[in-house]
PDB file of N, CA and C in Angstrom:
ATOM      1  N   MET A   1     158.997 205.774 -31.937  1.00  0.00           N
ATOM      2  CA  MET A   1     158.074 205.752 -30.772  1.00  0.00           C
ATOM      3  C   MET A   1     157.496 207.277 -30.907  1.00  0.00           C
ATOM      4  N   ALA A   2     156.254 207.507 -30.012  1.00  0.00           N
ATOM      5  CA  ALA A   2     155.274 208.162 -30.029  1.00  0.00           C
ATOM      6  C   ALA A   2     155.876 209.251 -28.654  1.00  0.00           C
ATOM      7  N   SER A   3     155.848 210.435 -28.987  1.00  0.00           N
ATOM      8  CA  SER A   3     156.293 211.472 -27.989  1.00  0.00           C
ATOM      9  C   SER A   3     155.085 211.176 -26.622  1.00  0.00           C
ATOM     10  N   TRP A   4     155.264 211.592 -25.398  1.00  0.00           N
ATOM     11  CA  TRP A   4     154.128 212.018 -24.544  1.00  0.00           C
ATOM     12  C   TRP A   4     153.220 212.756 -24.798  1.00  0.00           C
ATOM     13  N   MET A   5     153.446 213.756 -25.916  1.00  0.00           N
ATOM     14  CA  MET A   5     152.169 214.835 -26.416  1.00  0.00           C
ATOM     15  C   MET A   5     151.411 213.809 -27.296  1.00  0.00           C
ATOM     16  N   ASP A   6     152.160 212.902 -28.075  1.00  0.00           N
ATOM     17  CA  ASP A   6     151.279 212.077 -28.996  1.00  0.00           C
ATOM     18  C   ASP A   6     150.351 211.349 -28.179  1.00  0.00           C
ATOM     19  N   ILE A   7     150.726 210.885 -27.012  1.00  0.00           N
ATOM     20  CA  ILE A   7     150.440 209.924 -26.201  1.00  0.00           C
ATOM     21  C   ILE A   7     149.288 211.010 -25.510  1.00  0.00           C
ATOM     22  N   ALA A   8     149.286 212.010 -24.820  1.00  0.00           N
ATOM     23  CA  ALA A   8     148.392 212.895 -24.124  1.00  0.00           C
ATOM     24  C   ALA A   8     147.466 213.466 -25.365  1.00  0.00           C
ATOM     25  N   LYS A   9     147.695 213.649 -26.455  1.00  0.00           N
ATOM     26  CA  LYS A   9     146.401 213.714 -27.539  1.00  0.00           C
ATOM     27  C   LYS A   9     145.544 212.361 -27.628  1.00  0.00           C
ATOM     28  N   GLU A  10     146.184 211.520 -28.113  1.00  0.00           N
ATOM     29  CA  GLU A  10     145.635 210.121 -27.601  1.00  0.00           C
ATOM     30  C   GLU A  10     144.991 210.003 -26.622  1.00  0.00           C
ATOM     31  N   ILE A  11     144.869 209.617 -25.699  1.00  0.00           N
ATOM     32  CA  ILE A  11     144.149 209.731 -24.464  1.00  0.00           C
ATOM     33  C   ILE A  11     143.196 210.872 -24.178  1.00  0.00           C
ATOM     34  N   THR A  12     143.392 212.242 -24.401  1.00  0.00           N
ATOM     35  CA  THR A  12     142.534 213.174 -24.519  1.00  0.00           C
ATOM     36  C   THR A  12     141.672 213.099 -25.520  1.00  0.00           C
ATOM     37  N   GLU A  13     141.421 212.342 -26.841  1.00  0.00           N
ATOM     38  CA  GLU A  13     140.642 212.139 -27.391  1.00  0.00           C
ATOM     39  C   GLU A  13     140.028 211.094 -27.722  1.00  0.00           C
ATOM     40  N   SER A  14     140.343 210.083 -26.810  1.00  0.00           N
ATOM     41  CA  SER A  14     139.650 209.001 -26.406  1.00  0.00           C
ATOM     42  C   SER A  14     138.706 209.374 -25.558  1.00  0.00           C
ATOM     43  N   ALA A  15     139.373 209.971 -24.363  1.00  0.00           N
ATOM     44  CA  ALA A  15     138.532 210.296 -23.294  1.00  0.00           C
ATOM     45  C   ALA A  15     137.159 211.424 -23.553  1.00  0.00           C
ATOM     46  N   LEU A  16     137.207 212.252 -24.913  1.00  0.00           N
ATOM     47  CA  LEU A  16     136.457 213.254 -25.208  1.00  0.00           C
ATOM     48  C   LEU A  16     135.304 212.024 -25.961  1.00  0.00           C
ATOM     49  N   LEU A  17     136.009 211.047 -27.170  1.00  0.00           N
ATOM     50  CA  LEU A  17     134.731 209.933 -28.028  1.00  0.00           C
ATOM     51  C   LEU A  17     134.013 209.719 -27.102  1.00  0.00           C
ATOM     52  N   ALA A  18     134.697 208.819 -26.147  1.00  0.00           N
ATOM     53  CA  ALA A  18     134.289 207.864 -24.804  1.00  0.00           C
ATOM     54  C   ALA A  18     132.838 208.716 -24.014  1.00  0.00           C
ATOM     55  N   SER A  19     133.220 209.886 -23.840  1.00  0.00           N
ATOM     56  CA  SER A  19     132.171 210.977 -23.149  1.00  0.00           C
ATOM     57  C   SER A  19     130.553 210.809 -23.883  1.00  0.00           C
ATOM     58  N   PHE A  20     130.753 210.641 -25.230  1.00  0.00           N
ATOM     59  CA  PHE A  20     129.376 210.883 -26.494  1.00  0.00           C
ATOM     60  C   PHE A  20     128.564 209.391 -26.197  1.00  0.00           C
ATOM     61  N   GLU A  21     129.561 208.125 -26.198  1.00  0.00           N
ATOM     62  CA  GLU A  21     128.948 206.938 -26.097  1.00  0.00           C
ATOM     63  C   GLU A  21     127.964 206.469 -25.370  1.00  0.00           C
ATOM     64  N   PRO A  22     126.930 206.598 -25.686  1.00  0.00           N
ATOM     65  CA  PRO A  22     125.481 206.098 -24.940  1.00  0.00           C
ATOM     66  C   PRO A  22     125.779 204.963 -24.157  1.00  0.00           C
ATOM     67  N   ASN A  23     126.154 203.751 -24.630  1.00  0.00           N
ATOM     68  CA  ASN A  23     126.265 202.578 -23.855  1.00  0.00           C
ATOM     69  C   ASN A  23     127.924 202.141 -24.012  1.00  0.00           C
ATOM     70  N   PRO A  24     128.839 202.549 -23.012  1.00  0.00           N
ATOM     71  CA  PRO A  24     130.037 202.298 -23.148  1.00  0.00           C
ATOM     72  C   PRO A  24     130.732 201.292 -22.790  1.00  0.00           C
ATOM     73  N   VAL A  25     131.342 200.731 -23.260  1.00  0.00           N
ATOM     74  CA  VAL A  25     131.974 198.956 -22.758  1.00  0.00           C
ATOM     75  C   VAL A  25     132.328 198.962 -21.425  1.00  0.00           C
ATOM     76  N   GLN A  26     132.025 198.410 -20.894  1.00  0.00           N
ATOM     77  CA  GLN A  26     132.596 197.777 -19.388  1.00  0.00           C
ATOM     78  C   GLN A  26     132.785 196.389 -19.646  1.00  0.00           C
ATOM     79  N   PHE A  27     134.382 195.730 -19.215  1.00  0.00           N
ATOM     80  CA  PHE A  27     134.395 194.657 -19.228  1.00  0.00           C
ATOM     81  C   PHE A  27     134.279 194.019 -17.540  1.00  0.00           C
ATOM     82  N   ARG A  28     133.682 193.203 -17.585  1.00  0.00           N
ATOM     83  CA  ARG A  28     133.153 192.090 -16.050  1.00  0.00           C
ATOM     84  C   ARG A  28     134.205 190.836 -16.541  1.00  0.00           C
ATOM     85  N   PRO A  29     133.928 190.374 -15.247  1.00  0.00           N
ATOM     86  CA  PRO A  29     135.127 189.028 -15.265  1.00  0.00           C
ATOM     87  C   PRO A  29     134.157 187.821 -15.960  1.00  0.00           C
ATOM     88  N   GLU A  30     132.782 187.719 -16.209  1.00  0.00           N
ATOM     89  CA  GLU A  30     132.032 186.873 -16.945  1.00  0.00           C
ATOM     90  C   GLU A  30     132.661 187.331 -18.654  1.00  0.00           C
ATOM     91  N   HIS A  31     132.980 188.140 -19.134  1.00  0.00           N
ATOM     92  CA  HIS A  31     133.654 188.106 -20.103  1.00  0.00           C
ATOM     93  C   HIS A  31     134.614 187.751 -20.833  1.00  0.00           C
ATOM     94  N   GLU A  32     135.824 187.586 -19.670  1.00  0.00           N
ATOM     95  CA  GLU A  32     137.132 186.544 -19.648  1.00  0.00           C
ATOM     96  C   GLU A  32     136.558 185.395 -20.630  1.00  0.00           C
ATOM     97  N   TYR A  33     135.639 184.695 -20.148  1.00  0.00           N
ATOM     98  CA  TYR A  33     135.268 183.077 -20.772  1.00  0.00           C
ATOM     99  C   TYR A  33     135.555 183.380 -22.386  1.00  0.00           C
ATOM    100  N   ASP A  34     134.676 184.401 -22.939  1.00  0.00           N
ATOM    101  CA  ASP A  34     134.923 184.269 -24.469  1.00  0.00           C
ATOM    102  C   ASP A  34     136.135 184.480 -24.901  1.00  0.00           C
ATOM    103  N   VAL A  35     137.504 185.360 -23.749  1.00  0.00           N
ATOM    104  CA  VAL A  35     138.836 185.541 -24.848  1.00  0.00           C
ATOM    105  C   VAL A  35     139.459 184.188 -25.170  1.00  0.00           C
ATOM    106  N   ARG A  36     139.517 183.168 -25.289  1.00  0.00           N
ATOM    107  CA  ARG A  36     140.233 181.948 -25.666  1.00  0.00           C
ATOM    108  C   ARG A  36     139.284 181.784 -26.923  1.00  0.00           C
ATOM    109  N   ARG A  37     137.922 181.741 -26.846  1.00  0.00           N
ATOM    110  CA  ARG A  37     137.370 181.317 -27.949  1.00  0.00           C
ATOM    111  C   ARG A  37     137.556 182.282 -29.273  1.00  0.00           C
ATOM    112  N   VAL A  38     137.579 183.798 -28.647  1.00  0.00           N
ATOM    113  CA  VAL A  38     137.699 184.627 -29.924  1.00  0.00           C
ATOM    114  C   VAL A  38     139.487 184.504 -30.618  1.00  0.00           C
ATOM    115  N   ARG A  39     140.014 184.602 -29.377  1.00  0.00           N
ATOM    116  CA  ARG A  39     141.448 184.256 -29.739  1.00  0.00           C
ATOM    117  C   ARG A  39     141.807 183.420 -30.809  1.00  0.00           C
ATOM    118  N   GLU A  40     141.052 182.322 -30.690  1.00  0.00           N
ATOM    119  CA  GLU A  40     141.291 180.918 -31.623  1.00  0.00           C
ATOM    120  C   GLU A  40     140.338 181.104 -32.773  1.00  0.00           C
ATOM    121  N   ALA A  41     139.245 182.098 -32.968  1.00  0.00           N
ATOM    122  CA  ALA A  41     138.847 182.083 -34.071  1.00  0.00           C
ATOM    123  C   ALA A  41     139.270 183.447 -35.130  1.00  0.00           C
ATOM    124  N   LEU A  42     140.212 184.094 -34.121  1.00  0.00           N
ATOM    125  CA  LEU A  42     141.193 185.040 -34.951  1.00  0.00           C
ATOM    126  C   LEU A  42     142.445 184.393 -35.618  1.00  0.00           C
ATOM    127  N   ARG A  43     142.917 183.592 -34.928  1.00  0.00           N
ATOM    128  CA  ARG A  43     143.940 182.775 -35.502  1.00  0.00           C
ATOM    129  C   ARG A  43     143.034 181.605 -36.545  1.00  0.00           C
ATOM    130  N   ARG A  44     142.325 181.228 -36.408  1.00  0.00           N
ATOM    131  CA  ARG A  44     141.635 180.666 -37.665  1.00  0.00           C
ATOM    132  C   ARG A  44     141.208 181.625 -39.152  1.00  0.00           C
ATOM    133  N   ALA A  45     141.186 182.894 -38.693  1.00  0.00           N
ATOM    134  CA  ALA A  45     140.287 183.659 -39.543  1.00  0.00           C
ATOM    135  C   ALA A  45     141.403 184.591 -40.184  1.00  0.00           C
ATOM    136  N   LYS A  46     142.845 184.014 -40.341  1.00  0.00           N
ATOM    137  CA  LYS A  46     143.952 184.831 -41.338  1.00  0.00           C
ATOM    138  C   LYS A  46     143.864 184.862 -42.703  1.00  0.00           C
ATOM    139  N   ASP A  47     143.600 185.739 -43.046  1.00  0.00           N
ATOM    140  CA  ASP A  47     144.025 186.012 -44.621  1.00  0.00           C
ATOM    141  C   ASP A  47     142.557 186.211 -45.329  1.00  0.00           C
ATOM    142  N   GLY A  48     141.428 186.430 -44.711  1.00  0.00           N
ATOM    143  CA  GLY A  48     140.082 187.118 -45.122  1.00  0.00           C
ATOM    144  C   GLY A  48     139.892 186.240 -44.600  1.00  0.00           C
ATOM    145  N   LYS A  49     139.805 184.957 -44.361  1.00  0.00           N
ATOM    146  CA  LYS A  49     138.545 183.596 -44.360  1.00  0.00           C
ATOM    147  C   LYS A  49     138.092 183.748 -43.161  1.00  0.00           C
ATOM    148  N   LEU A  50     136.808 183.493 -43.011  1.00  0.00           N
ATOM    149  CA  LEU A  50     135.394 183.955 -42.318  1.00  0.00           C
ATOM    150  C   LEU A  50     135.478 182.542 -41.203  1.00  0.00           C
ATOM    151  N   ALA A  51     135.767 182.949 -40.001  1.00  0.00           N
ATOM    152  CA  ALA A  51     135.737 181.811 -38.827  1.00  0.00           C
ATOM    153  C   ALA A  51     134.104 181.964 -37.991  1.00  0.00           C
ATOM    154  N   ARG A  52     133.600 181.275 -37.626  1.00  0.00           N
ATOM    155  CA  ARG A  52     132.355 180.830 -37.146  1.00  0.00           C
ATOM    156  C   ARG A  52     132.769 180.780 -35.384  1.00  0.00           C
ATOM    157  N   PHE A  53     131.743 181.279 -35.097  1.00  0.00           N
ATOM    158  CA  PHE A  53     131.402 181.166 -33.258  1.00  0.00           C
ATOM    159  C   PHE A  53     130.182 180.391 -33.446  1.00  0.00           C
ATOM    160  N   ARG A  54     130.713 179.250 -32.328  1.00  0.00           N
ATOM    161  CA  ARG A  54     128.999 178.278 -31.837  1.00  0.00           C
ATOM    162  C   ARG A  54     129.445 178.075 -30.674  1.00  0.00           C
ATOM    163  N   PRO A  55     128.804 178.254 -29.595  1.00  0.00           N
ATOM    164  CA  PRO A  55     127.633 179.335 -29.866  1.00  0.00           C
ATOM    165  C   PRO A  55     128.234 180.677 -30.463  1.00  0.00           C
ATOM    166  N   PRO A  56     127.407 181.833 -30.328  1.00  0.00           N
ATOM    167  CA  PRO A  56     127.885 182.894 -30.774  1.00  0.00           C
ATOM    168  C   PRO A  56     128.387 183.716 -29.317  1.00  0.00           C
ATOM    169  N   VAL A  57     129.370 184.644 -29.410  1.00  0.00           N
ATOM    170  CA  VAL A  57     129.915 185.142 -28.335  1.00  0.00           C
ATOM    171  C   VAL A  57     129.226 186.459 -28.103  1.00  0.00           C
ATOM    172  N   ASN A  58     128.893 187.153 -27.184  1.00  0.00           N
ATOM    173  CA  ASN A  58     128.483 188.443 -26.692  1.00  0.00           C
ATOM    174  C   ASN A  58     129.639 189.362 -27.187  1.00  0.00           C
ATOM    175  N   ARG A  59     128.781 190.400 -27.589  1.00  0.00           N
ATOM    176  CA  ARG A  59     129.532 191.797 -27.735  1.00  0.00           C
ATOM    177  C   ARG A  59     130.998 191.947 -26.883  1.00  0.00           C
ATOM    178  N   ASN A  60     130.781 192.145 -25.770  1.00  0.00           N
ATOM    179  CA  ASN A  60     131.688 192.543 -24.790  1.00  0.00           C
ATOM    180  C   ASN A  60     133.145 191.443 -24.737  1.00  0.00           C
ATOM    181  N   GLY A  61     132.625 190.214 -25.160  1.00  0.00           N
ATOM    182  CA  GLY A  61     133.288 189.033 -24.867  1.00  0.00           C
ATOM    183  C   GLY A  61     134.247 189.260 -26.097  1.00  0.00           C
ATOM    184  N   PHE A  62     133.603 189.718 -27.041  1.00  0.00           N
ATOM    185  CA  PHE A  62     134.067 189.620 -28.442  1.00  0.00           C
ATOM    186  C   PHE A  62     135.202 190.483 -28.178  1.00  0.00           C
ATOM    187  N   LEU A  63     134.856 191.799 -28.024  1.00  0.00           N
ATOM    188  CA  LEU A  63     135.659 192.827 -28.025  1.00  0.00           C
ATOM    189  C   LEU A  63     137.065 193.186 -27.175  1.00  0.00           C
ATOM    190  N   LEU A  64     136.712 192.066 -25.625  1.00  0.00           N
ATOM    191  CA  LEU A  64     137.578 191.956 -25.331  1.00  0.00           C
ATOM    192  C   LEU A  64     138.999 190.924 -25.664  1.00  0.00           C
ATOM    193  N   GLY A  65     138.508 190.189 -26.513  1.00  0.00           N
ATOM    194  CA  GLY A  65     139.258 188.927 -27.054  1.00  0.00           C
ATOM    195  C   GLY A  65     140.048 189.469 -28.488  1.00  0.00           C
ATOM    196  N   CYS A  66     139.437 190.475 -28.829  1.00  0.00           N
ATOM    197  CA  CYS A  66     139.836 191.048 -29.627  1.00  0.00           C
ATOM    198  C   CYS A  66     141.091 191.750 -29.137  1.00  0.00           C
ATOM    199  N   LEU A  67     140.457 192.899 -28.122  1.00  0.00           N
ATOM    200  CA  LEU A  67     141.521 193.860 -27.265  1.00  0.00           C
ATOM    201  C   LEU A  67     143.046 192.741 -27.033  1.00  0.00           C
ATOM    202  N   ASP A  68     142.787 191.123 -26.319  1.00  0.00           N
ATOM    203  CA  ASP A  68     143.659 191.080 -25.839  1.00  0.00           C
ATOM    204  C   ASP A  68     144.932 190.089 -27.006  1.00  0.00           C
ATOM    205  N   TYR A  69     143.980 189.806 -28.083  1.00  0.00           N
ATOM    206  CA  TYR A  69     145.041 189.520 -29.224  1.00  0.00           C
ATOM    207  C   TYR A  69     145.896 190.659 -29.518  1.00  0.00           C
ATOM    208  N   THR A  70     145.524 191.758 -29.803  1.00  0.00           N
ATOM    209  CA  THR A  70     145.971 192.808 -30.396  1.00  0.00           C
ATOM    210  C   THR A  70     147.019 193.254 -29.957  1.00  0.00           C
ATOM    211  N   GLU A  71     146.751 193.778 -28.756  1.00  0.00           N
ATOM    212  CA  GLU A  71     147.368 194.768 -27.772  1.00  0.00           C
ATOM    213  C   GLU A  71     148.761 194.855 -27.676  1.00  0.00           C
ATOM    214  N   LEU A  72     149.097 193.653 -27.978  1.00  0.00           N
ATOM    215  CA  LEU A  72     150.813 193.705 -28.025  1.00  0.00           C
ATOM    216  C   LEU A  72     151.392 193.401 -29.390  1.00  0.00           C
ATOM    217  N   ARG A  73     150.477 193.428 -30.457  1.00  0.00           N
ATOM    218  CA  ARG A  73     151.279 193.140 -31.721  1.00  0.00           C
ATOM    219  C   ARG A  73     151.453 194.916 -32.232  1.00  0.00           C
ATOM    220  N   SER A  74     152.380 194.525 -33.066  1.00  0.00           N
ATOM    221  CA  SER A  74     152.652 196.541 -33.702  1.00  0.00           C
ATOM    222  C   SER A  74     152.539 196.099 -35.545  1.00  0.00           C
ATOM    223  N   GLU A  75     151.789 195.537 -35.966  1.00  0.00           N
ATOM    224  CA  GLU A  75     150.685 195.526 -37.102  1.00  0.00           C
ATOM    225  C   GLU A  75     149.395 195.927 -36.644  1.00  0.00           C
ATOM    226  N   GLU A  76     148.916 196.305 -37.912  1.00  0.00           N
ATOM    227  CA  GLU A  76     147.565 196.850 -37.866  1.00  0.00           C
ATOM    228  C   GLU A  76     146.502 195.488 -38.115  1.00  0.00           C
ATOM    229  N   HIS A  77     145.587 195.752 -37.386  1.00  0.00           N
ATOM    230  CA  HIS A  77     144.868 194.535 -37.910  1.00  0.00           C
ATOM    231  C   HIS A  77     143.351 195.071 -38.136  1.00  0.00           C
ATOM    232  N   LEU A  78     142.488 194.618 -38.968  1.00  0.00           N
ATOM    233  CA  LEU A  78     140.887 194.846 -39.319  1.00  0.00           C
ATOM    234  C   LEU A  78     140.533 193.645 -38.788  1.00  0.00           C
ATOM    235  N   ILE A  79     139.390 193.942 -38.092  1.00  0.00           N
ATOM    236  CA  ILE A  79     138.890 192.555 -37.155  1.00  0.00           C
ATOM    237  C   ILE A  79     137.007 193.106 -37.474  1.00  0.00           C
ATOM    238  N   VAL A  80     136.539 192.210 -38.111  1.00  0.00           N
ATOM    239  CA  VAL A  80     134.941 192.535 -38.404  1.00  0.00           C
ATOM    240  C   VAL A  80     134.142 191.476 -37.866  1.00  0.00           C
ATOM    241  N   GLY A  81     133.916 191.466 -36.796  1.00  0.00           N
ATOM    242  CA  GLY A  81     132.128 190.847 -36.431  1.00  0.00           C
ATOM    243  C   GLY A  81     130.935 190.679 -36.961  1.00  0.00           C
ATOM    244  N   TYR A  82     130.255 189.861 -37.181  1.00  0.00           N
ATOM    245  CA  TYR A  82     129.124 189.632 -37.840  1.00  0.00           C
ATOM    246  C   TYR A  82     127.826 189.119 -36.926  1.00  0.00           C
ATOM    247  N   GLY A  83     127.164 189.869 -36.459  1.00  0.00           N
ATOM    248  CA  GLY A  83     126.016 188.825 -35.555  1.00  0.00           C
ATOM    249  C   GLY A  83     124.623 189.959 -35.679  1.00  0.00           C
ATOM    250  N   PHE A  84     123.766 189.823 -34.412  1.00  0.00           N
ATOM    251  CA  PHE A  84     122.722 190.174 -34.484  1.00  0.00           C
ATOM    252  C   PHE A  84     122.424 190.708 -33.067  1.00  0.00           C
ATOM    253  N   LYS A  85     121.281 191.717 -33.200  1.00  0.00           N
ATOM    254  CA  LYS A  85     120.983 192.281 -31.887  1.00  0.00           C
ATOM    255  C   LYS A  85     120.448 190.918 -30.771  1.00  0.00           C
ATOM    256  N   TYR A  86     120.902 191.270 -29.586  1.00  0.00           N
ATOM    257  CA  TYR A  86     120.146 190.195 -29.010  1.00  0.00           C
ATOM    258  C   TYR A  86     119.742 190.732 -27.494  1.00  0.00           C
ATOM    259  N   GLY A  87     118.422 190.789 -27.437  1.00  0.00           N
ATOM    260  CA  GLY A  87     118.145 191.907 -25.757  1.00  0.00           C
ATOM    261  C   GLY A  87     118.901 193.421 -25.704  1.00  0.00           C
ATOM    262  N   ALA A  88     119.721 193.267 -24.728  1.00  0.00           N
ATOM    263  CA  ALA A  88     121.049 194.635 -24.625  1.00  0.00           C
ATOM    264  C   ALA A  88     121.861 194.129 -24.973  1.00  0.00           C
ATOM    265  N   THR A  89     122.526 193.524 -25.729  1.00  0.00           N
ATOM    266  CA  THR A  89     123.761 192.984 -26.134  1.00  0.00           C
ATOM    267  C   THR A  89     123.679 192.399 -27.335  1.00  0.00           C
ATOM    268  N   THR A  90     124.729 192.260 -28.167  1.00  0.00           N
ATOM    269  CA  THR A  90     124.665 191.771 -29.730  1.00  0.00           C
ATOM    270  C   THR A  90     125.672 190.333 -29.323  1.00  0.00           C
ATOM    271  N   LYS A  91     124.849 189.150 -30.253  1.00  0.00           N
ATOM    272  CA  LYS A  91     125.874 188.296 -30.295  1.00  0.00           C
ATOM    273  C   LYS A  91     126.662 188.042 -31.646  1.00  0.00           C
ATOM    274  N   ILE A  92     128.116 187.584 -31.473  1.00  0.00           N
ATOM    275  CA  ILE A  92     128.561 187.762 -32.842  1.00  0.00           C
ATOM    276  C   ILE A  92     128.559 186.545 -33.247  1.00  0.00           C
ATOM    277  N   GLU A  93     128.600 185.849 -34.215  1.00  0.00           N
ATOM    278  CA  GLU A  93     128.544 184.956 -34.847  1.00  0.00           C
ATOM    279  C   GLU A  93     129.738 183.981 -36.156  1.00  0.00           C
ATOM    280  N   SER A  94     130.035 185.347 -36.159  1.00  0.00           N
ATOM    281  CA  SER A  94     131.380 185.354 -37.232  1.00  0.00           C
ATOM    282  C   SER A  94     132.362 186.001 -37.415  1.00  0.00           C
ATOM    283  N   VAL A  95     133.697 185.977 -38.041  1.00  0.00           N
ATOM    284  CA  VAL A  95     134.430 187.354 -37.977  1.00  0.00           C
ATOM    285  C   VAL A  95     135.471 187.030 -39.311  1.00  0.00           C
ATOM    286  N   HIS A  96     136.100 188.089 -39.371  1.00  0.00           N
ATOM    287  CA  HIS A  96     136.798 188.323 -40.819  1.00  0.00           C
ATOM    288  C   HIS A  96     138.172 188.849 -39.891  1.00  0.00           C
ATOM    289  N   HIS A  97     139.266 188.515 -40.222  1.00  0.00           N
ATOM    290  CA  HIS A  97     140.376 188.948 -39.500  1.00  0.00           C
ATOM    291  C   HIS A  97     141.434 189.044 -40.629  1.00  0.00           C
ATOM    292  N   VAL A  98     141.860 190.255 -40.892  1.00  0.00           N
ATOM    293  CA  VAL A  98     143.131 190.843 -41.655  1.00  0.00           C
ATOM    294  C   VAL A  98     144.446 191.315 -40.891  1.00  0.00           C
ATOM    295  N   THR A  99     145.500 190.948 -41.755  1.00  0.00           N
ATOM    296  CA  THR A  99     146.523 191.523 -40.640  1.00  0.00           C
ATOM    297  C   THR A  99     147.296 192.655 -41.672  1.00  0.00           C
ATOM    298  N   GLY A 100     147.712 193.599 -41.375  1.00  0.00           N
ATOM    299  CA  GLY A 100     148.310 194.586 -42.666  1.00  0.00           C
ATOM    300  C   GLY A 100     150.031 194.981 -42.001  1.00  0.00           C
ATOM    301  N   GLY A 101     150.036 195.956 -42.388  1.00  0.00           N
ATOM    302  CA  GLY A 101     151.314 196.275 -41.976  1.00  0.00           C
ATOM    303  C   GLY A 101     151.549 197.444 -40.658  1.00  0.00           C
ATOM    304  N   ALA A 102     152.785 198.070 -40.610  1.00  0.00           N
ATOM    305  CA  ALA A 102     152.729 198.962 -39.307  1.00  0.00           C
ATOM    306  C   ALA A 102     151.828 199.650 -38.906  1.00  0.00           C
ATOM    307  N   ASN A 103     151.486 200.335 -40.501  1.00  0.00           N
ATOM    308  CA  ASN A 103     150.400 201.752 -40.320  1.00  0.00           C
ATOM    309  C   ASN A 103     149.232 201.638 -41.118  1.00  0.00           C
ATOM    310  N   SER A 104     148.948 200.758 -41.711  1.00  0.00           N
ATOM    311  CA  SER A 104     147.994 200.279 -42.694  1.00  0.00           C
ATOM    312  C   SER A 104     147.502 198.954 -42.781  1.00  0.00           C
ATOM    313  N   VAL A 105     145.873 198.731 -43.229  1.00  0.00           N
ATOM    314  CA  VAL A 105     145.705 197.797 -43.569  1.00  0.00           C
ATOM    315  C   VAL A 105     144.722 197.457 -45.064  1.00  0.00           C
ATOM    316  N   ALA A 106     144.969 196.938 -45.748  1.00  0.00           N
ATOM    317  CA  ALA A 106     144.111 196.457 -46.753  1.00  0.00           C
ATOM    318  C   ALA A 106     142.807 196.014 -46.596  1.00  0.00           C
ATOM    319  N   ILE A 107     141.620 196.199 -47.329  1.00  0.00           N
ATOM    320  CA  ILE A 107     140.800 195.335 -47.045  1.00  0.00           C
ATOM    321  C   ILE A 107     140.466 194.422 -48.180  1.00  0.00           C
ATOM    322  N   PRO A 108     140.543 193.110 -47.919  1.00  0.00           N
ATOM    323  CA  PRO A 108     140.452 192.218 -49.173  1.00  0.00           C
ATOM    324  C   PRO A 108     138.938 192.308 -50.017  1.00  0.00           C
ATOM    325  N   PRO A 109     139.012 192.035 -51.050  1.00  0.00           N
ATOM    326  CA  PRO A 109     137.989 192.253 -51.997  1.00  0.00           C
ATOM    327  C   PRO A 109     136.672 191.249 -51.079  1.00  0.00           C
ATOM    328  N   ASN A 110     136.938 190.379 -50.625  1.00  0.00           N
ATOM    329  CA  ASN A 110     135.719 189.079 -50.410  1.00  0.00           C
ATOM    330  C   ASN A 110     135.147 190.100 -48.923  1.00  0.00           C
ATOM    331  N   VAL A 111     136.161 190.333 -47.877  1.00  0.00           N
ATOM    332  CA  VAL A 111     135.728 191.339 -46.999  1.00  0.00           C
ATOM    333  C   VAL A 111     134.749 192.309 -47.225  1.00  0.00           C
ATOM    334  N   ALA A 112     135.553 192.897 -47.856  1.00  0.00           N
ATOM    335  CA  ALA A 112     134.596 194.292 -48.934  1.00  0.00           C
ATOM    336  C   ALA A 112     133.559 193.802 -49.422  1.00  0.00           C
ATOM    337  N   HIS A 113     133.295 192.540 -49.823  1.00  0.00           N
ATOM    338  CA  HIS A 113     131.916 192.365 -50.116  1.00  0.00           C
ATOM    339  C   HIS A 113     130.831 191.719 -48.813  1.00  0.00           C
ATOM    340  N   ALA A 114     131.217 191.125 -48.292  1.00  0.00           N
ATOM    341  CA  ALA A 114     130.675 190.466 -47.189  1.00  0.00           C
ATOM    342  C   ALA A 114     130.306 192.227 -46.335  1.00  0.00           C
ATOM    343  N   LEU A 115     131.471 192.965 -46.278  1.00  0.00           N
ATOM    344  CA  LEU A 115     130.825 193.958 -45.593  1.00  0.00           C
ATOM    345  C   LEU A 115     129.678 194.969 -46.495  1.00  0.00           C
ATOM    346  N   GLY A 116     129.727 194.944 -47.828  1.00  0.00           N
ATOM    347  CA  GLY A 116     128.621 195.446 -48.736  1.00  0.00           C
ATOM    348  C   GLY A 116     127.498 194.803 -48.569  1.00  0.00           C
ATOM    349  N   ILE A 117     127.570 193.334 -48.317  1.00  0.00           N
ATOM    350  CA  ILE A 117     126.240 192.551 -48.219  1.00  0.00           C
ATOM    351  C   ILE A 117     125.378 192.783 -46.789  1.00  0.00           C
ATOM    352  N   THR A 118     126.390 192.883 -45.905  1.00  0.00           N
ATOM    353  CA  THR A 118     125.941 193.390 -44.660  1.00  0.00           C
ATOM    354  C   THR A 118     124.960 194.646 -44.256  1.00  0.00           C
ATOM    355  N   THR A 119     125.593 195.891 -45.102  1.00  0.00           N
ATOM    356  CA  THR A 119     125.288 196.862 -44.989  1.00  0.00           C
ATOM    357  C   THR A 119     123.988 197.057 -45.636  1.00  0.00           C
ATOM    358  N   ALA A 120     123.845 196.385 -46.652  1.00  0.00           N
ATOM    359  CA  ALA A 120     122.647 195.923 -47.261  1.00  0.00           C
ATOM    360  C   ALA A 120     121.490 195.532 -46.785  1.00  0.00           C
ATOM    361  N   SER A 121     121.978 194.554 -45.950  1.00  0.00           N
ATOM    362  CA  SER A 121     120.680 193.905 -45.207  1.00  0.00           C
ATOM    363  C   SER A 121     120.466 194.546 -44.270  1.00  0.00           C
ATOM    364  N   MET A 122     120.874 195.222 -43.881  1.00  0.00           N
ATOM    365  CA  MET A 122     120.959 196.093 -42.428  1.00  0.00           C
ATOM    366  C   MET A 122     120.086 197.266 -42.824  1.00  0.00           C
ATOM    367  N   LYS A 123     120.070 197.751 -44.151  1.00  0.00           N
ATOM    368  CA  LYS A 123     119.081 198.871 -44.532  1.00  0.00           C
ATOM    369  C   LYS A 123     118.301 198.283 -44.867  1.00  0.00           C
ATOM    370  N   ALA A 124     117.646 197.091 -45.390  1.00  0.00           N
ATOM    371  CA  ALA A 124     116.744 196.830 -45.487  1.00  0.00           C
ATOM    372  C   ALA A 124     116.016 196.114 -44.394  1.00  0.00           C
ATOM    373  N   THR A 125     116.607 196.204 -43.359  1.00  0.00           N
ATOM    374  CA  THR A 125     115.889 195.570 -41.774  1.00  0.00           C
ATOM    375  C   THR A 125     115.379 196.741 -41.312  1.00  0.00           C
ATOM    376  N   ARG A 126     115.824 197.850 -41.223  1.00  0.00           N
ATOM    377  CA  ARG A 126     115.672 199.380 -40.636  1.00  0.00           C
ATOM    378  C   ARG A 126     114.285 199.836 -41.168  1.00  0.00           C
TER     379      ARG A 126
END
């Protein structure tokens, strides 16, 4: 169980890091629409499988859905959304989801490979 000092340090760190974010995440009621779709995709994406969104979900709806899915769970989660820039937002087309233990989560080879391809393709387009 975390002590109040640990909690205070985590809150302070989060607030400090958030102050440097140029476009902070702000959830609005319309983001709730995607929560159910994101939760369902995370259930389908177990064990490193890729789940797709049709149509894609907006970044904030995706983040809210991930928060809703993981907030009360005790194990760690690796959630990787793949998408593209669309105007002022990012559209998330697919997601990998890996569940770990209480303090860590291993990255399966297929997810690491997908991240490598994504990173390489992003560098090529910049």
